[in-house]
N, C-alpha and C. Protein backbone atom coordinates (compact mmCIF):
# COMPACT_ATOMS: atom_id res chain seq x y z
N MET A 1 82.77 282.29 200.02
CA MET A 1 82.29 281.92 198.71
C MET A 1 82.80 280.53 198.31
N ASP A 2 84.02 280.25 198.72
CA ASP A 2 84.58 278.93 198.41
C ASP A 2 83.77 277.84 199.10
N THR A 3 83.26 278.12 200.29
CA THR A 3 82.45 277.15 201.02
C THR A 3 81.17 276.86 200.26
N LEU A 4 80.57 277.89 199.70
CA LEU A 4 79.35 277.73 198.92
C LEU A 4 79.60 276.83 197.71
N TYR A 5 80.71 277.07 196.99
CA TYR A 5 81.04 276.25 195.83
C TYR A 5 81.34 274.81 196.25
N ALA A 6 82.01 274.66 197.38
CA ALA A 6 82.34 273.32 197.87
C ALA A 6 81.06 272.56 198.22
N ASN A 7 80.13 273.24 198.92
CA ASN A 7 78.86 272.60 199.26
C ASN A 7 78.06 272.27 198.00
N SER A 8 78.09 273.16 197.04
CA SER A 8 77.38 272.93 195.78
C SER A 8 77.97 271.73 195.05
N ASP A 9 79.28 271.64 195.02
CA ASP A 9 79.93 270.50 194.37
C ASP A 9 79.60 269.20 195.10
N ARG A 10 79.59 269.26 196.44
CA ARG A 10 79.26 268.08 197.22
C ARG A 10 77.83 267.62 196.93
N LEU A 11 76.89 268.57 196.86
CA LEU A 11 75.50 268.23 196.54
C LEU A 11 75.38 267.64 195.14
N THR A 12 76.11 268.22 194.20
CA THR A 12 76.10 267.72 192.83
C THR A 12 76.63 266.29 192.79
N ASP A 13 77.73 266.03 193.52
CA ASP A 13 78.29 264.68 193.57
C ASP A 13 77.31 263.70 194.22
N GLU A 14 76.63 264.15 195.29
CA GLU A 14 75.67 263.28 195.98
C GLU A 14 74.50 262.94 195.05
N LEU A 15 74.00 263.92 194.33
CA LEU A 15 72.93 263.67 193.35
C LEU A 15 73.39 262.69 192.28
N ALA A 16 74.60 262.85 191.81
CA ALA A 16 75.13 261.94 190.79
C ALA A 16 75.20 260.52 191.34
N ARG A 17 75.63 260.36 192.60
CA ARG A 17 75.67 259.03 193.22
C ARG A 17 74.26 258.44 193.33
N LEU A 18 73.30 259.27 193.72
CA LEU A 18 71.92 258.78 193.81
C LEU A 18 71.39 258.32 192.46
N TYR A 19 71.66 259.11 191.43
CA TYR A 19 71.20 258.72 190.09
C TYR A 19 71.89 257.44 189.61
N ASP A 20 73.16 257.27 190.01
CA ASP A 20 73.87 256.04 189.66
C ASP A 20 73.32 254.84 190.43
N LYS A 21 72.95 255.07 191.70
CA LYS A 21 72.50 253.99 192.56
C LYS A 21 71.08 253.54 192.22
N TYR A 22 70.21 254.49 191.91
CA TYR A 22 68.80 254.17 191.67
C TYR A 22 68.40 254.53 190.25
N ASP A 23 67.63 253.67 189.64
CA ASP A 23 67.10 253.95 188.31
C ASP A 23 65.72 254.59 188.48
N PHE A 24 65.68 255.90 188.43
CA PHE A 24 64.45 256.62 188.72
C PHE A 24 63.36 256.38 187.67
N GLU A 25 63.75 256.07 186.46
CA GLU A 25 62.74 255.74 185.45
C GLU A 25 61.99 254.47 185.84
N VAL A 26 62.72 253.47 186.33
CA VAL A 26 62.09 252.23 186.78
C VAL A 26 61.20 252.49 187.99
N ILE A 27 61.68 253.31 188.91
CA ILE A 27 60.88 253.65 190.09
C ILE A 27 59.59 254.34 189.67
N ASP A 28 59.67 255.27 188.73
CA ASP A 28 58.47 255.96 188.25
C ASP A 28 57.51 254.99 187.58
N LYS A 29 58.05 254.06 186.79
CA LYS A 29 57.19 253.06 186.14
C LYS A 29 56.53 252.16 187.16
N GLN A 30 57.28 251.78 188.21
CA GLN A 30 56.71 250.95 189.27
C GLN A 30 55.60 251.70 190.00
N LYS A 31 55.83 252.98 190.24
CA LYS A 31 54.82 253.79 190.91
C LYS A 31 53.55 253.86 190.06
N VAL A 32 53.70 254.09 188.77
CA VAL A 32 52.55 254.14 187.87
C VAL A 32 51.84 252.79 187.88
N SER A 33 52.59 251.71 187.87
CA SER A 33 51.99 250.37 187.91
C SER A 33 51.23 250.14 189.20
N LEU A 34 51.81 250.57 190.31
CA LEU A 34 51.13 250.41 191.61
C LEU A 34 49.85 251.23 191.68
N VAL A 35 49.89 252.45 191.16
CA VAL A 35 48.69 253.29 191.15
C VAL A 35 47.63 252.64 190.27
N TRP A 36 48.03 252.12 189.10
CA TRP A 36 47.09 251.44 188.21
C TRP A 36 46.49 250.22 188.91
N PHE A 37 47.33 249.42 189.57
CA PHE A 37 46.86 248.23 190.26
C PHE A 37 45.91 248.60 191.40
N GLU A 38 46.22 249.67 192.13
CA GLU A 38 45.33 250.12 193.20
C GLU A 38 43.97 250.52 192.65
N ASN A 39 43.96 251.28 191.58
CA ASN A 39 42.69 251.69 190.95
C ASN A 39 41.92 250.48 190.43
N TRP A 40 42.63 249.55 189.82
CA TRP A 40 42.00 248.32 189.31
C TRP A 40 41.39 247.53 190.46
N SER A 41 42.13 247.43 191.57
CA SER A 41 41.62 246.69 192.74
C SER A 41 40.37 247.34 193.30
N ILE A 42 40.35 248.66 193.38
CA ILE A 42 39.17 249.38 193.87
C ILE A 42 37.98 249.10 192.97
N ASN A 43 38.20 249.12 191.66
CA ASN A 43 37.11 248.84 190.71
C ASN A 43 36.58 247.42 190.87
N ILE A 44 37.48 246.46 191.09
CA ILE A 44 37.07 245.07 191.28
C ILE A 44 36.24 244.93 192.55
N VAL A 45 36.66 245.56 193.62
CA VAL A 45 35.91 245.49 194.88
C VAL A 45 34.52 246.11 194.71
N GLN A 46 34.44 247.24 194.02
CA GLN A 46 33.15 247.89 193.79
C GLN A 46 32.24 247.02 192.91
N ALA A 47 32.80 246.43 191.87
CA ALA A 47 32.01 245.55 191.00
C ALA A 47 31.53 244.33 191.78
N SER A 48 32.40 243.79 192.63
CA SER A 48 32.02 242.64 193.45
C SER A 48 30.88 243.00 194.40
N ALA A 49 30.92 244.18 194.96
CA ALA A 49 29.85 244.63 195.86
C ALA A 49 28.53 244.75 195.10
N ARG A 50 28.59 245.26 193.86
CA ARG A 50 27.37 245.38 193.05
C ARG A 50 26.81 244.00 192.72
N VAL A 51 27.68 243.08 192.35
CA VAL A 51 27.23 241.71 192.05
C VAL A 51 26.63 241.07 193.29
N ASN A 52 27.26 241.28 194.44
CA ASN A 52 26.77 240.72 195.69
C ASN A 52 25.38 241.26 196.02
N THR A 53 25.18 242.55 195.81
CA THR A 53 23.88 243.17 196.06
C THR A 53 22.81 242.56 195.17
N ILE A 54 23.13 242.40 193.90
CA ILE A 54 22.18 241.80 192.95
C ILE A 54 21.91 240.36 193.33
N PHE A 55 22.97 239.63 193.68
CA PHE A 55 22.82 238.23 194.08
C PHE A 55 21.88 238.12 195.28
N GLU A 56 22.14 238.96 196.29
CA GLU A 56 21.29 238.93 197.49
C GLU A 56 19.85 239.29 197.16
N GLN A 57 19.67 240.23 196.24
CA GLN A 57 18.34 240.66 195.86
C GLN A 57 17.54 239.52 195.25
N PHE A 58 18.19 238.69 194.47
CA PHE A 58 17.48 237.63 193.75
C PHE A 58 17.53 236.27 194.44
N PHE A 59 18.47 236.07 195.35
CA PHE A 59 18.63 234.75 195.94
C PHE A 59 18.48 234.74 197.46
N ASN A 60 17.88 235.77 198.01
CA ASN A 60 17.53 235.77 199.43
C ASN A 60 16.07 235.38 199.56
N CYS A 61 15.77 234.59 200.57
CA CYS A 61 14.40 234.18 200.86
C CYS A 61 13.61 235.42 201.27
N ASN A 62 12.42 235.55 200.74
CA ASN A 62 11.58 236.70 201.07
C ASN A 62 10.93 236.59 202.45
N LEU A 63 11.12 235.48 203.13
CA LEU A 63 10.58 235.32 204.48
C LEU A 63 11.68 235.46 205.54
N CYS A 64 12.73 234.65 205.44
CA CYS A 64 13.79 234.69 206.46
C CYS A 64 14.91 235.68 206.13
N ARG A 65 14.95 236.19 204.92
CA ARG A 65 15.93 237.18 204.45
C ARG A 65 17.37 236.64 204.42
N SER A 66 17.52 235.34 204.45
CA SER A 66 18.83 234.71 204.32
C SER A 66 18.96 234.11 202.93
N LEU A 67 20.16 233.63 202.63
CA LEU A 67 20.38 232.96 201.36
C LEU A 67 19.45 231.76 201.26
N VAL A 68 18.80 231.61 200.12
CA VAL A 68 17.79 230.57 199.93
C VAL A 68 18.41 229.18 200.07
N VAL A 69 17.76 228.35 200.88
CA VAL A 69 18.13 226.95 201.03
C VAL A 69 17.00 226.14 200.43
N GLU A 70 17.30 225.25 199.50
CA GLU A 70 16.31 224.50 198.75
C GLU A 70 15.26 225.46 198.18
N PRO A 71 15.67 226.25 197.18
CA PRO A 71 14.79 227.28 196.64
C PRO A 71 13.46 226.74 196.11
N THR A 72 12.41 227.49 196.44
CA THR A 72 11.08 227.18 195.94
C THR A 72 10.52 228.47 195.34
N VAL A 73 10.10 228.40 194.11
CA VAL A 73 9.57 229.56 193.40
C VAL A 73 8.06 229.49 193.41
N VAL A 74 7.42 230.60 193.80
CA VAL A 74 5.96 230.67 193.85
C VAL A 74 5.45 231.09 192.47
N ASP A 75 4.45 230.33 191.96
CA ASP A 75 3.83 230.68 190.67
C ASP A 75 2.68 231.64 190.92
N PRO A 76 2.35 232.60 190.12
CA PRO A 76 3.01 233.04 188.90
C PRO A 76 3.99 234.19 189.11
N CYS A 77 4.15 234.66 190.37
CA CYS A 77 4.95 235.87 190.63
C CYS A 77 6.45 235.63 190.63
N ASN A 78 6.86 234.38 190.78
CA ASN A 78 8.28 233.99 190.78
C ASN A 78 9.08 234.49 191.97
N HIS A 79 8.42 234.80 193.09
CA HIS A 79 9.16 235.11 194.31
C HIS A 79 9.81 233.82 194.82
N ILE A 80 11.00 233.98 195.41
CA ILE A 80 11.80 232.83 195.84
C ILE A 80 11.76 232.72 197.37
N PHE A 81 11.57 231.49 197.85
CA PHE A 81 11.56 231.21 199.28
C PHE A 81 12.35 229.95 199.54
N CYS A 82 12.78 229.80 200.80
CA CYS A 82 13.33 228.52 201.23
C CYS A 82 12.16 227.53 201.32
N LYS A 83 12.43 226.31 200.98
CA LYS A 83 11.38 225.29 201.08
C LYS A 83 10.87 225.21 202.52
N ALA A 84 11.77 225.22 203.49
CA ALA A 84 11.38 225.12 204.91
C ALA A 84 10.58 226.34 205.35
N CYS A 85 10.93 227.52 204.87
CA CYS A 85 10.18 228.73 205.24
C CYS A 85 8.74 228.65 204.76
N LEU A 86 8.55 228.17 203.54
CA LEU A 86 7.18 228.02 203.03
C LEU A 86 6.43 226.97 203.83
N GLU A 87 7.10 225.90 204.17
CA GLU A 87 6.44 224.86 204.97
C GLU A 87 6.08 225.39 206.36
N ASP A 88 6.98 226.20 206.95
CA ASP A 88 6.71 226.80 208.26
C ASP A 88 5.52 227.76 208.20
N GLN A 89 5.35 228.39 207.06
CA GLN A 89 4.24 229.34 206.87
C GLN A 89 2.96 228.62 206.47
N GLY A 90 3.06 227.31 206.28
CA GLY A 90 1.90 226.56 205.83
C GLY A 90 1.55 226.88 204.39
N ASN A 91 2.57 227.16 203.61
CA ASN A 91 2.37 227.58 202.22
C ASN A 91 3.13 226.65 201.29
N SER A 92 2.56 226.30 200.21
CA SER A 92 3.27 225.54 199.17
C SER A 92 3.38 226.43 197.95
N HIS A 93 4.12 225.99 196.97
CA HIS A 93 4.33 226.83 195.80
C HIS A 93 3.06 227.00 194.97
N LYS A 94 2.00 226.28 195.27
CA LYS A 94 0.74 226.42 194.54
C LYS A 94 -0.26 227.33 195.26
N GLN A 95 0.08 227.80 196.49
CA GLN A 95 -0.83 228.66 197.24
C GLN A 95 -0.44 230.13 197.08
N GLN A 96 -1.04 230.99 197.90
CA GLN A 96 -0.83 232.42 197.80
C GLN A 96 0.58 232.82 198.26
N CYS A 97 1.19 233.75 197.49
CA CYS A 97 2.54 234.27 197.80
C CYS A 97 2.47 235.13 199.05
N LYS A 98 3.43 234.94 199.95
CA LYS A 98 3.48 235.70 201.21
C LYS A 98 4.03 237.12 201.01
N VAL A 99 4.58 237.41 199.84
CA VAL A 99 5.13 238.73 199.58
C VAL A 99 4.12 239.62 198.86
N CYS A 100 3.58 239.13 197.75
CA CYS A 100 2.73 239.98 196.92
C CYS A 100 1.26 239.58 196.95
N GLY A 101 0.96 238.39 197.50
CA GLY A 101 -0.44 237.95 197.58
C GLY A 101 -0.98 237.28 196.34
N GLU A 102 -0.13 237.09 195.34
CA GLU A 102 -0.57 236.41 194.09
C GLU A 102 -1.01 234.99 194.41
N ASP A 103 -2.01 234.51 193.71
CA ASP A 103 -2.47 233.12 193.85
C ASP A 103 -1.78 232.25 192.84
């Protein structure tokens, strides 16, 4: 029984040393901050992906499917093409749209 009490006292002393050595309230606050920062970072990445999708949707050439170089807008449908892509197709911004067929 004395061994049990001795071990219990030793464990109690060890816990007291740990509490003296480390400020667990600060560690908990840091953990909460890290979890918050991780969630915030995930939200930023997701928002960035949504913006990128929208950007690509509106600023990709409807012919080459790449980012528009020297954007040319076709009247009246407002589809966007690279100037070179339209020239390669033999199309100017005043002729028929290659996407929707508008004149």
